[in-house]
Full PDB file with SEQRES, HELIX, SHEET, SSBOND, CRYST1, ORIGX, SCALE, CONECT and MASTER records, all heavy atoms in Angstrom:
SEQRES   1 A   39  GLY GLU SER LEU GLU GLU CYS VAL ARG ARG GLU VAL ARG          
SEQRES   2 A   39  GLU GLU VAL GLY ILE GLU ILE LYS ASN VAL GLU TYR PHE          
SEQRES   3 A   39  GLY SER GLN PRO TRP PRO PHE PRO ASN SER LEU MET ILE          
HELIX    1 AA1 LEU A    4  VAL A   16  1                                  13    
SHEET    1 AA1 2 GLN A  29  TRP A  31  0                                        
SHEET    2 AA1 2 SER A  36  MET A  38 -1                                        
CRYST1    1.000    1.000    1.000  90.00  90.00  90.00 P 1           1          
ORIGX1      1.000000  0.000000  0.000000        0.00000                         
ORIGX2      0.000000  1.000000  0.000000        0.00000                         
ORIGX3      0.000000  0.000000  1.000000        0.00000                         
SCALE1      1.000000  0.000000  0.000000        0.00000                         
SCALE2      0.000000  1.000000  0.000000        0.00000                         
SCALE3      0.000000  0.000000  1.000000        0.00000                         
ATOM      1  N   GLY A   1      -0.807 -15.511   7.525  1.00  0.00           N  
ATOM      2  CA  GLY A   1      -0.037 -16.795   7.149  1.00  0.00           C  
ATOM      3  C   GLY A   1       1.238 -16.499   6.571  1.00  0.00           C  
ATOM      4  O   GLY A   1       1.829 -17.402   6.010  1.00  0.00           O  
ATOM      5  N   GLU A   2       1.774 -15.250   6.662  1.00  0.00           N  
ATOM      6  CA  GLU A   2       3.017 -14.829   6.040  1.00  0.00           C  
ATOM      7  C   GLU A   2       4.044 -14.482   7.085  1.00  0.00           C  
ATOM      8  O   GLU A   2       3.743 -13.838   8.149  1.00  0.00           O  
ATOM      9  CB  GLU A   2       2.713 -13.615   5.074  1.00  0.00           C  
ATOM     10  CG  GLU A   2       3.917 -13.139   4.331  1.00  0.00           C  
ATOM     11  CD  GLU A   2       3.520 -11.981   3.440  1.00  0.00           C  
ATOM     12  OE1 GLU A   2       2.929 -10.973   3.886  1.00  0.00           O  
ATOM     13  OE2 GLU A   2       3.782 -12.062   2.235  1.00  0.00           O  
ATOM     14  N   SER A   3       5.351 -14.903   6.935  1.00  0.00           N  
ATOM     15  CA  SER A   3       6.352 -14.493   7.866  1.00  0.00           C  
ATOM     16  C   SER A   3       6.802 -13.074   7.514  1.00  0.00           C  
ATOM     17  O   SER A   3       6.517 -12.586   6.351  1.00  0.00           O  
ATOM     18  CB  SER A   3       7.539 -15.442   7.812  1.00  0.00           C  
ATOM     19  OG  SER A   3       8.293 -15.277   6.583  1.00  0.00           O  
ATOM     20  N   LEU A   4       7.491 -12.391   8.396  1.00  0.00           N  
ATOM     21  CA  LEU A   4       7.974 -11.081   8.092  1.00  0.00           C  
ATOM     22  C   LEU A   4       8.956 -11.091   6.926  1.00  0.00           C  
ATOM     23  O   LEU A   4       8.860 -10.155   6.043  1.00  0.00           O  
ATOM     24  CB  LEU A   4       8.718 -10.494   9.401  1.00  0.00           C  
ATOM     25  CG  LEU A   4       7.821 -10.339  10.632  1.00  0.00           C  
ATOM     26  CD1 LEU A   4       8.741  -9.929  11.854  1.00  0.00           C  
ATOM     27  CD2 LEU A   4       6.770  -9.323  10.361  1.00  0.00           C  
ATOM     28  N   GLU A   5       9.829 -12.038   6.859  1.00  0.00           N  
ATOM     29  CA  GLU A   5      10.779 -12.065   5.779  1.00  0.00           C  
ATOM     30  C   GLU A   5      10.137 -12.362   4.435  1.00  0.00           C  
ATOM     31  O   GLU A   5      10.473 -11.759   3.370  1.00  0.00           O  
ATOM     32  CB  GLU A   5      11.908 -13.165   6.037  1.00  0.00           C  
ATOM     33  CG  GLU A   5      12.797 -12.919   7.158  1.00  0.00           C  
ATOM     34  CD  GLU A   5      12.237 -13.185   8.572  1.00  0.00           C  
ATOM     35  OE1 GLU A   5      10.953 -13.695   8.586  1.00  0.00           O  
ATOM     36  OE2 GLU A   5      12.764 -12.916   9.612  1.00  0.00           O  
ATOM     37  N   GLU A   6       9.096 -13.167   4.453  1.00  0.00           N  
ATOM     38  CA  GLU A   6       8.324 -13.435   3.224  1.00  0.00           C  
ATOM     39  C   GLU A   6       7.612 -12.147   2.800  1.00  0.00           C  
ATOM     40  O   GLU A   6       7.514 -11.841   1.597  1.00  0.00           O  
ATOM     41  CB  GLU A   6       7.352 -14.593   3.446  1.00  0.00           C  
ATOM     42  CG  GLU A   6       7.917 -15.907   3.543  1.00  0.00           C  
ATOM     43  CD  GLU A   6       6.953 -16.870   4.031  1.00  0.00           C  
ATOM     44  OE1 GLU A   6       5.865 -16.636   4.683  1.00  0.00           O  
ATOM     45  OE2 GLU A   6       7.163 -18.172   3.837  1.00  0.00           O  
ATOM     46  N   CYS A   7       7.101 -11.352   3.809  1.00  0.00           N  
ATOM     47  CA  CYS A   7       6.421 -10.111   3.465  1.00  0.00           C  
ATOM     48  C   CYS A   7       7.405  -9.114   2.812  1.00  0.00           C  
ATOM     49  O   CYS A   7       7.091  -8.397   1.863  1.00  0.00           O  
ATOM     50  CB  CYS A   7       5.776  -9.555   4.730  1.00  0.00           C  
ATOM     51  SG  CYS A   7       4.918  -7.989   4.436  1.00  0.00           S  
ATOM     52  N   VAL A   8       8.648  -9.048   3.372  1.00  0.00           N  
ATOM     53  CA  VAL A   8       9.561  -8.143   2.803  1.00  0.00           C  
ATOM     54  C   VAL A   8       9.856  -8.437   1.336  1.00  0.00           C  
ATOM     55  O   VAL A   8       9.766  -7.553   0.510  1.00  0.00           O  
ATOM     56  CB  VAL A   8      10.866  -8.177   3.676  1.00  0.00           C  
ATOM     57  CG1 VAL A   8      12.043  -7.412   2.915  1.00  0.00           C  
ATOM     58  CG2 VAL A   8      10.789  -7.738   5.055  1.00  0.00           C  
ATOM     59  N   ARG A   9      10.092  -9.681   0.906  1.00  0.00           N  
ATOM     60  CA  ARG A   9      10.383 -10.074  -0.378  1.00  0.00           C  
ATOM     61  C   ARG A   9       9.111  -9.862  -1.243  1.00  0.00           C  
ATOM     62  O   ARG A   9       9.273  -9.357  -2.400  1.00  0.00           O  
ATOM     63  CB  ARG A   9      10.808 -11.533  -0.412  1.00  0.00           C  
ATOM     64  CG  ARG A   9      12.206 -11.710   0.290  1.00  0.00           C  
ATOM     65  CD  ARG A   9      12.626 -13.193   0.125  1.00  0.00           C  
ATOM     66  NE  ARG A   9      13.967 -13.368   0.672  1.00  0.00           N  
ATOM     67  CZ  ARG A   9      14.214 -13.753   1.942  1.00  0.00           C  
ATOM     68  NH1 ARG A   9      13.158 -14.016   2.790  1.00  0.00           N  
ATOM     69  NH2 ARG A   9      15.439 -13.864   2.398  1.00  0.00           N  
ATOM     70  N   ARG A  10       8.010 -10.196  -0.782  1.00  0.00           N  
ATOM     71  CA  ARG A  10       6.722 -10.055  -1.582  1.00  0.00           C  
ATOM     72  C   ARG A  10       6.451  -8.584  -1.843  1.00  0.00           C  
ATOM     73  O   ARG A  10       6.205  -8.150  -3.036  1.00  0.00           O  
ATOM     74  CB  ARG A  10       5.562 -10.622  -0.855  1.00  0.00           C  
ATOM     75  CG  ARG A  10       4.241 -10.353  -1.669  1.00  0.00           C  
ATOM     76  CD  ARG A  10       3.058 -10.895  -0.819  1.00  0.00           C  
ATOM     77  NE  ARG A  10       2.882 -10.370   0.465  1.00  0.00           N  
ATOM     78  CZ  ARG A  10       2.459  -9.113   0.696  1.00  0.00           C  
ATOM     79  NH1 ARG A  10       2.103  -8.323  -0.204  1.00  0.00           N  
ATOM     80  NH2 ARG A  10       2.361  -8.719   1.992  1.00  0.00           N  
ATOM     81  N   GLU A  11       6.540  -7.750  -0.876  1.00  0.00           N  
ATOM     82  CA  GLU A  11       6.157  -6.244  -1.003  1.00  0.00           C  
ATOM     83  C   GLU A  11       7.215  -5.675  -2.009  1.00  0.00           C  
ATOM     84  O   GLU A  11       6.782  -4.845  -2.822  1.00  0.00           O  
ATOM     85  CB  GLU A  11       6.333  -5.513   0.300  1.00  0.00           C  
ATOM     86  CG  GLU A  11       5.035  -5.749   1.169  1.00  0.00           C  
ATOM     87  CD  GLU A  11       3.813  -5.042   0.583  1.00  0.00           C  
ATOM     88  OE1 GLU A  11       3.969  -4.153  -0.191  1.00  0.00           O  
ATOM     89  OE2 GLU A  11       2.737  -5.504   1.047  1.00  0.00           O  
ATOM     90  N   VAL A  12       8.518  -5.988  -1.940  1.00  0.00           N  
ATOM     91  CA  VAL A  12       9.518  -5.452  -2.825  1.00  0.00           C  
ATOM     92  C   VAL A  12       9.210  -5.893  -4.293  1.00  0.00           C  
ATOM     93  O   VAL A  12       9.281  -5.102  -5.234  1.00  0.00           O  
ATOM     94  CB  VAL A  12      10.965  -5.814  -2.398  1.00  0.00           C  
ATOM     95  CG1 VAL A  12      11.993  -5.420  -3.434  1.00  0.00           C  
ATOM     96  CG2 VAL A  12      11.228  -5.220  -1.052  1.00  0.00           C  
ATOM     97  N   ARG A  13       8.888  -7.177  -4.364  1.00  0.00           N  
ATOM     98  CA  ARG A  13       8.598  -7.716  -5.708  1.00  0.00           C  
ATOM     99  C   ARG A  13       7.368  -7.058  -6.344  1.00  0.00           C  
ATOM    100  O   ARG A  13       7.324  -6.686  -7.509  1.00  0.00           O  
ATOM    101  CB  ARG A  13       8.363  -9.206  -5.573  1.00  0.00           C  
ATOM    102  CG  ARG A  13       8.341  -9.961  -7.003  1.00  0.00           C  
ATOM    103  CD  ARG A  13       8.050 -11.410  -6.708  1.00  0.00           C  
ATOM    104  NE  ARG A  13       9.127 -12.053  -5.826  1.00  0.00           N  
ATOM    105  CZ  ARG A  13       8.823 -12.560  -4.651  1.00  0.00           C  
ATOM    106  NH1 ARG A  13       7.613 -12.594  -4.280  1.00  0.00           N  
ATOM    107  NH2 ARG A  13       9.815 -13.068  -4.001  1.00  0.00           N  
ATOM    108  N   GLU A  14       6.271  -6.872  -5.515  1.00  0.00           N  
ATOM    109  CA  GLU A  14       5.122  -6.245  -6.006  1.00  0.00           C  
ATOM    110  C   GLU A  14       5.251  -4.845  -6.421  1.00  0.00           C  
ATOM    111  O   GLU A  14       4.756  -4.300  -7.376  1.00  0.00           O  
ATOM    112  CB  GLU A  14       3.962  -6.431  -4.989  1.00  0.00           C  
ATOM    113  CG  GLU A  14       3.479  -7.905  -4.780  1.00  0.00           C  
ATOM    114  CD  GLU A  14       2.410  -7.958  -3.710  1.00  0.00           C  
ATOM    115  OE1 GLU A  14       2.115  -6.920  -3.017  1.00  0.00           O  
ATOM    116  OE2 GLU A  14       1.810  -9.088  -3.544  1.00  0.00           O  
ATOM    117  N   GLU A  15       5.907  -4.025  -5.543  1.00  0.00           N  
ATOM    118  CA  GLU A  15       5.981  -2.618  -5.716  1.00  0.00           C  
ATOM    119  C   GLU A  15       7.008  -2.170  -6.745  1.00  0.00           C  
ATOM    120  O   GLU A  15       6.739  -1.157  -7.488  1.00  0.00           O  
ATOM    121  CB  GLU A  15       6.309  -1.935  -4.350  1.00  0.00           C  
ATOM    122  CG  GLU A  15       5.125  -2.155  -3.355  1.00  0.00           C  
ATOM    123  CD  GLU A  15       5.232  -1.266  -2.111  1.00  0.00           C  
ATOM    124  OE1 GLU A  15       6.355  -0.647  -1.946  1.00  0.00           O  
ATOM    125  OE2 GLU A  15       4.316  -1.266  -1.281  1.00  0.00           O  
ATOM    126  N   VAL A  16       8.138  -2.811  -6.824  1.00  0.00           N  
ATOM    127  CA  VAL A  16       9.218  -2.350  -7.733  1.00  0.00           C  
ATOM    128  C   VAL A  16       9.738  -3.494  -8.658  1.00  0.00           C  
ATOM    129  O   VAL A  16      10.662  -3.224  -9.504  1.00  0.00           O  
ATOM    130  CB  VAL A  16      10.402  -1.707  -6.998  1.00  0.00           C  
ATOM    131  CG1 VAL A  16       9.841  -0.334  -6.393  1.00  0.00           C  
ATOM    132  CG2 VAL A  16      10.955  -2.543  -5.974  1.00  0.00           C  
ATOM    133  N   GLY A  17       9.268  -4.696  -8.495  1.00  0.00           N  
ATOM    134  CA  GLY A  17       9.635  -5.815  -9.438  1.00  0.00           C  
ATOM    135  C   GLY A  17      10.985  -6.404  -9.261  1.00  0.00           C  
ATOM    136  O   GLY A  17      11.420  -7.196 -10.139  1.00  0.00           O  
ATOM    137  N   ILE A  18      11.769  -6.082  -8.255  1.00  0.00           N  
ATOM    138  CA  ILE A  18      13.144  -6.657  -8.099  1.00  0.00           C  
ATOM    139  C   ILE A  18      13.163  -7.735  -7.046  1.00  0.00           C  
ATOM    140  O   ILE A  18      12.308  -7.859  -6.210  1.00  0.00           O  
ATOM    141  CB  ILE A  18      14.182  -5.562  -7.864  1.00  0.00           C  
ATOM    142  CG1 ILE A  18      13.834  -5.000  -6.470  1.00  0.00           C  
ATOM    143  CG2 ILE A  18      14.194  -4.537  -8.859  1.00  0.00           C  
ATOM    144  CD1 ILE A  18      15.005  -3.985  -5.867  1.00  0.00           C  
ATOM    145  N   GLU A  19      14.269  -8.604  -7.068  1.00  0.00           N  
ATOM    146  CA  GLU A  19      14.480  -9.524  -6.054  1.00  0.00           C  
ATOM    147  C   GLU A  19      15.570  -9.068  -5.116  1.00  0.00           C  
ATOM    148  O   GLU A  19      16.524  -8.333  -5.536  1.00  0.00           O  
ATOM    149  CB  GLU A  19      14.889 -10.879  -6.693  1.00  0.00           C  
ATOM    150  CG  GLU A  19      13.818 -11.427  -7.661  1.00  0.00           C  
ATOM    151  CD  GLU A  19      12.572 -11.850  -6.912  1.00  0.00           C  
ATOM    152  OE1 GLU A  19      12.627 -12.198  -5.773  1.00  0.00           O  
ATOM    153  OE2 GLU A  19      11.532 -11.878  -7.520  1.00  0.00           O  
ATOM    154  N   ILE A  20      15.554  -9.385  -3.858  1.00  0.00           N  
ATOM    155  CA  ILE A  20      16.487  -9.013  -2.780  1.00  0.00           C  
ATOM    156  C   ILE A  20      17.102 -10.215  -2.145  1.00  0.00           C  
ATOM    157  O   ILE A  20      16.587 -11.296  -2.251  1.00  0.00           O  
ATOM    158  CB  ILE A  20      15.822  -8.021  -1.805  1.00  0.00           C  
ATOM    159  CG1 ILE A  20      14.628  -8.674  -1.187  1.00  0.00           C  
ATOM    160  CG2 ILE A  20      15.476  -6.719  -2.496  1.00  0.00           C  
ATOM    161  CD1 ILE A  20      14.034  -7.871   0.029  1.00  0.00           C  
ATOM    162  N   LYS A  21      18.162  -9.943  -1.354  1.00  0.00           N  
ATOM    163  CA  LYS A  21      18.860 -11.023  -0.653  1.00  0.00           C  
ATOM    164  C   LYS A  21      19.348 -10.414   0.691  1.00  0.00           C  
ATOM    165  O   LYS A  21      19.338  -9.217   0.922  1.00  0.00           O  
ATOM    166  CB  LYS A  21      19.951 -11.620  -1.440  1.00  0.00           C  
ATOM    167  CG  LYS A  21      21.083 -10.594  -1.754  1.00  0.00           C  
ATOM    168  CD  LYS A  21      22.136 -11.288  -2.692  1.00  0.00           C  
ATOM    169  CE  LYS A  21      23.262 -10.315  -3.099  1.00  0.00           C  
ATOM    170  NZ  LYS A  21      24.249 -10.870  -3.957  1.00  0.00           N  
ATOM    171  N   ASN A  22      19.856 -11.268   1.560  1.00  0.00           N  
ATOM    172  CA  ASN A  22      20.506 -10.859   2.823  1.00  0.00           C  
ATOM    173  C   ASN A  22      19.501  -9.987   3.658  1.00  0.00           C  
ATOM    174  O   ASN A  22      19.948  -8.805   4.094  1.00  0.00           O  
ATOM    175  CB  ASN A  22      21.804 -10.208   2.555  1.00  0.00           C  
ATOM    176  CG  ASN A  22      22.848 -11.171   1.966  1.00  0.00           C  
ATOM    177  OD1 ASN A  22      22.713 -12.355   2.191  1.00  0.00           O  
ATOM    178  ND2 ASN A  22      23.710 -10.682   1.146  1.00  0.00           N  
ATOM    179  N   VAL A  23      18.300 -10.390   3.808  1.00  0.00           N  
ATOM    180  CA  VAL A  23      17.341  -9.606   4.639  1.00  0.00           C  
ATOM    181  C   VAL A  23      17.673  -9.701   6.090  1.00  0.00           C  
ATOM    182  O   VAL A  23      17.864 -10.760   6.641  1.00  0.00           O  
ATOM    183  CB  VAL A  23      15.958 -10.083   4.408  1.00  0.00           C  
ATOM    184  CG1 VAL A  23      14.947  -9.354   5.265  1.00  0.00           C  
ATOM    185  CG2 VAL A  23      15.520  -9.982   2.839  1.00  0.00           C  
ATOM    186  N   GLU A  24      17.943  -8.545   6.803  1.00  0.00           N  
ATOM    187  CA  GLU A  24      18.246  -8.549   8.150  1.00  0.00           C  
ATOM    188  C   GLU A  24      17.418  -7.567   8.895  1.00  0.00           C  
ATOM    189  O   GLU A  24      17.089  -6.574   8.472  1.00  0.00           O  
ATOM    190  CB  GLU A  24      19.787  -8.179   8.250  1.00  0.00           C  
ATOM    191  CG  GLU A  24      20.703  -9.201   7.734  1.00  0.00           C  
ATOM    192  CD  GLU A  24      22.254  -8.808   8.026  1.00  0.00           C  
ATOM    193  OE1 GLU A  24      22.435  -7.807   8.714  1.00  0.00           O  
ATOM    194  OE2 GLU A  24      23.128  -9.512   7.567  1.00  0.00           O  
ATOM    195  N   TYR A  25      17.144  -7.966  10.205  1.00  0.00           N  
ATOM    196  CA  TYR A  25      16.259  -7.150  11.009  1.00  0.00           C  
ATOM    197  C   TYR A  25      17.033  -5.916  11.482  1.00  0.00           C  
ATOM    198  O   TYR A  25      18.225  -5.950  11.763  1.00  0.00           O  
ATOM    199  CB  TYR A  25      15.890  -7.973  12.286  1.00  0.00           C  
ATOM    200  CG  TYR A  25      15.117  -7.132  13.310  1.00  0.00           C  
ATOM    201  CD1 TYR A  25      13.802  -6.837  13.174  1.00  0.00           C  
ATOM    202  CD2 TYR A  25      15.722  -6.753  14.528  1.00  0.00           C  
ATOM    203  CE1 TYR A  25      13.085  -6.131  14.107  1.00  0.00           C  
ATOM    204  CE2 TYR A  25      15.058  -6.018  15.453  1.00  0.00           C  
ATOM    205  CZ  TYR A  25      13.742  -5.698  15.228  1.00  0.00           C  
ATOM    206  OH  TYR A  25      13.037  -4.919  16.208  1.00  0.00           O  
ATOM    207  N   PHE A  26      16.310  -4.768  11.546  1.00  0.00           N  
ATOM    208  CA  PHE A  26      16.951  -3.494  11.919  1.00  0.00           C  
ATOM    209  C   PHE A  26      16.396  -2.969  13.184  1.00  0.00           C  
ATOM    210  O   PHE A  26      17.106  -2.491  14.037  1.00  0.00           O  
ATOM    211  CB  PHE A  26      16.630  -2.530  10.682  1.00  0.00           C  
ATOM    212  CG  PHE A  26      17.173  -1.075  10.987  1.00  0.00           C  
ATOM    213  CD1 PHE A  26      18.501  -0.763  10.842  1.00  0.00           C  
ATOM    214  CD2 PHE A  26      16.306  -0.100  11.512  1.00  0.00           C  
ATOM    215  CE1 PHE A  26      18.925   0.555  11.047  1.00  0.00           C  
ATOM    216  CE2 PHE A  26      16.676   1.216  11.771  1.00  0.00           C  
ATOM    217  CZ  PHE A  26      18.074   1.523  11.553  1.00  0.00           C  
ATOM    218  N   GLY A  27      15.087  -2.914  13.352  1.00  0.00           N  
ATOM    219  CA  GLY A  27      14.486  -2.371  14.480  1.00  0.00           C  
ATOM    220  C   GLY A  27      12.954  -2.239  14.285  1.00  0.00           C  
ATOM    221  O   GLY A  27      12.471  -2.585  13.236  1.00  0.00           O  
ATOM    222  N   SER A  28      12.261  -1.762  15.351  1.00  0.00           N  
ATOM    223  CA  SER A  28      10.805  -1.567  15.121  1.00  0.00           C  
ATOM    224  C   SER A  28      10.348  -0.284  15.767  1.00  0.00           C  
ATOM    225  O   SER A  28      11.053   0.297  16.518  1.00  0.00           O  
ATOM    226  CB  SER A  28      10.112  -2.755  15.830  1.00  0.00           C  
ATOM    227  OG  SER A  28      10.326  -2.749  17.160  1.00  0.00           O  
ATOM    228  N   GLN A  29       9.142   0.102  15.442  1.00  0.00           N  
ATOM    229  CA  GLN A  29       8.571   1.357  15.950  1.00  0.00           C  
ATOM    230  C   GLN A  29       7.000   1.244  15.963  1.00  0.00           C  
ATOM    231  O   GLN A  29       6.363   0.918  14.904  1.00  0.00           O  
ATOM    232  CB  GLN A  29       8.919   2.505  15.084  1.00  0.00           C  
ATOM    233  CG  GLN A  29       8.327   3.854  15.502  1.00  0.00           C  
ATOM    234  CD  GLN A  29       8.664   4.931  14.484  1.00  0.00           C  
ATOM    235  OE1 GLN A  29       8.780   4.826  13.310  1.00  0.00           O  
ATOM    236  NE2 GLN A  29       8.785   6.171  14.985  1.00  0.00           N  
ATOM    237  N   PRO A  30       6.432   1.465  17.053  1.00  0.00           N  
ATOM    238  CA  PRO A  30       4.948   1.563  17.109  1.00  0.00           C  
ATOM    239  C   PRO A  30       4.571   2.833  16.341  1.00  0.00           C  
ATOM    240  O   PRO A  30       5.211   3.899  16.455  1.00  0.00           O  
ATOM    241  CB  PRO A  30       4.575   1.753  18.582  1.00  0.00           C  
ATOM    242  CG  PRO A  30       5.859   2.266  19.284  1.00  0.00           C  
ATOM    243  CD  PRO A  30       6.976   1.720  18.478  1.00  0.00           C  
ATOM    244  N   TRP A  31       3.551   2.711  15.488  1.00  0.00           N  
ATOM    245  CA  TRP A  31       3.113   3.769  14.579  1.00  0.00           C  
ATOM    246  C   TRP A  31       1.652   3.917  14.621  1.00  0.00           C  
ATOM    247  O   TRP A  31       0.921   3.161  13.945  1.00  0.00           O  
ATOM    248  CB  TRP A  31       3.642   3.447  13.167  1.00  0.00           C  
ATOM    249  CG  TRP A  31       3.614   4.565  12.197  1.00  0.00           C  
ATOM    250  CD1 TRP A  31       2.887   4.539  11.006  1.00  0.00           C  
ATOM    251  CD2 TRP A  31       4.357   5.731  12.223  1.00  0.00           C  
ATOM    252  NE1 TRP A  31       3.060   5.689  10.294  1.00  0.00           N  
ATOM    253  CE2 TRP A  31       4.019   6.546  11.002  1.00  0.00           C  
ATOM    254  CE3 TRP A  31       5.251   6.340  13.108  1.00  0.00           C  
ATOM    255  CZ2 TRP A  31       4.516   7.783  10.779  1.00  0.00           C  
ATOM    256  CZ3 TRP A  31       5.769   7.570  12.812  1.00  0.00           C  
ATOM    257  CH2 TRP A  31       5.367   8.327  11.669  1.00  0.00           C  
ATOM    258  N   PRO A  32       1.112   4.959  15.323  1.00  0.00           N  
ATOM    259  CA  PRO A  32      -0.322   5.075  15.552  1.00  0.00           C  
ATOM    260  C   PRO A  32      -1.120   5.733  14.434  1.00  0.00           C  
ATOM    261  O   PRO A  32      -2.026   6.563  14.686  1.00  0.00           O  
ATOM    262  CB  PRO A  32      -0.310   5.908  16.818  1.00  0.00           C  
ATOM    263  CG  PRO A  32       0.832   6.788  16.573  1.00  0.00           C  
ATOM    264  CD  PRO A  32       1.931   5.974  15.932  1.00  0.00           C  
ATOM    265  N   PHE A  33      -0.822   5.327  13.136  1.00  0.00           N  
ATOM    266  CA  PHE A  33      -1.527   5.923  12.030  1.00  0.00           C  
ATOM    267  C   PHE A  33      -2.135   4.836  11.124  1.00  0.00           C  
ATOM    268  O   PHE A  33      -1.597   4.590  10.002  1.00  0.00           O  
ATOM    269  CB  PHE A  33      -0.583   6.887  11.327  1.00  0.00           C  
ATOM    270  CG  PHE A  33      -0.005   7.937  12.090  1.00  0.00           C  
ATOM    271  CD1 PHE A  33       1.322   7.948  12.400  1.00  0.00           C  
ATOM    272  CD2 PHE A  33      -0.772   8.965  12.553  1.00  0.00           C  
ATOM    273  CE1 PHE A  33       1.888   8.963  13.190  1.00  0.00           C  
ATOM    274  CE2 PHE A  33      -0.191   9.933  13.393  1.00  0.00           C  
ATOM    275  CZ  PHE A  33       1.147   9.974  13.683  1.00  0.00           C  
ATOM    276  N   PRO A  34      -3.137   4.113  11.552  1.00  0.00           N  
ATOM    277  CA  PRO A  34      -3.802   4.268  12.811  1.00  0.00           C  
ATOM    278  C   PRO A  34      -3.345   3.335  13.894  1.00  0.00           C  
ATOM    279  O   PRO A  34      -3.447   3.695  15.080  1.00  0.00           O  
ATOM    280  CB  PRO A  34      -5.318   4.017  12.460  1.00  0.00           C  
ATOM    281  CG  PRO A  34      -5.234   3.044  11.401  1.00  0.00           C  
ATOM    282  CD  PRO A  34      -3.996   3.322  10.627  1.00  0.00           C  
ATOM    283  N   ASN A  35      -2.838   2.212  13.629  1.00  0.00           N  
ATOM    284  CA  ASN A  35      -2.539   1.167  14.642  1.00  0.00           C  
ATOM    285  C   ASN A  35      -1.493   0.189  14.227  1.00  0.00           C  
ATOM    286  O   ASN A  35      -1.617  -0.959  14.390  1.00  0.00           O  
ATOM    287  CB  ASN A  35      -3.787   0.451  15.077  1.00  0.00           C  
ATOM    288  CG  ASN A  35      -4.667  -0.008  13.881  1.00  0.00           C  
ATOM    289  OD1 ASN A  35      -4.091  -0.474  12.885  1.00  0.00           O  
ATOM    290  ND2 ASN A  35      -5.966   0.146  14.029  1.00  0.00           N  
ATOM    291  N   SER A  36      -0.411   0.699  13.571  1.00  0.00           N  
ATOM    292  CA  SER A  36       0.575  -0.139  13.052  1.00  0.00           C  
ATOM    293  C   SER A  36       1.772  -0.456  13.989  1.00  0.00           C  
ATOM    294  O   SER A  36       1.983   0.346  14.935  1.00  0.00           O  
ATOM    295  CB  SER A  36       1.193   0.442  11.734  1.00  0.00           C  
ATOM    296  OG  SER A  36       0.129   0.660  10.781  1.00  0.00           O  
ATOM    297  N   LEU A  37       2.428  -1.583  13.734  1.00  0.00           N  
ATOM    298  CA  LEU A  37       3.789  -1.790  14.284  1.00  0.00           C  
ATOM    299  C   LEU A  37       4.666  -1.911  13.106  1.00  0.00           C  
ATOM    300  O   LEU A  37       4.570  -2.838  12.325  1.00  0.00           O  
ATOM    301  CB  LEU A  37       3.746  -3.034  15.109  1.00  0.00           C  
ATOM    302  CG  LEU A  37       5.117  -3.463  15.674  1.00  0.00           C  
ATOM    303  CD1 LEU A  37       5.701  -2.410  16.605  1.00  0.00           C  
ATOM    304  CD2 LEU A  37       5.099  -4.862  16.394  1.00  0.00           C  
ATOM    305  N   MET A  38       5.583  -0.975  12.925  1.00  0.00           N  
ATOM    306  CA  MET A  38       6.508  -0.929  11.829  1.00  0.00           C  
ATOM    307  C   MET A  38       7.753  -1.766  12.208  1.00  0.00           C  
ATOM    308  O   MET A  38       8.418  -1.531  13.215  1.00  0.00           O  
ATOM    309  CB  MET A  38       6.990   0.460  11.446  1.00  0.00           C  
ATOM    310  CG  MET A  38       5.826   1.374  11.093  1.00  0.00           C  
ATOM    311  SD  MET A  38       4.849   0.795   9.724  1.00  0.00           S  
ATOM    312  CE  MET A  38       5.977   0.797   8.375  1.00  0.00           C  
ATOM    313  N   ILE A  39       8.118  -2.820  11.366  1.00  0.00           N  
ATOM    314  CA  ILE A  39       9.234  -3.751  11.701  1.00  0.00           C  
ATOM    315  C   ILE A  39      10.266  -3.503  10.540  1.00  0.00           C  
ATOM    316  O   ILE A  39       9.985  -3.864   9.407  1.00  0.00           O  
ATOM    317  CB  ILE A  39       8.685  -5.172  11.743  1.00  0.00           C  
ATOM    318  CG1 ILE A  39       7.664  -5.348  12.786  1.00  0.00           C  
ATOM    319  CG2 ILE A  39       9.893  -6.082  12.024  1.00  0.00           C  
ATOM    320  CD1 ILE A  39       6.552  -6.231  12.468  1.00  0.00           C  
TER     321      ILE A  39                                                      
MASTER        0    0    0    1    2    0    0    6  320    1    0    3          
END                                                                             
């Protein structure tokens, strides 16, 4: 139920406690450890 941009902001807030802005897409990579798609 979460968008990618919402996930970016939530993960940053949870892991290091800061707020961010100007979130922009960079690229993606399939990551088979074990079955991820890194965005």
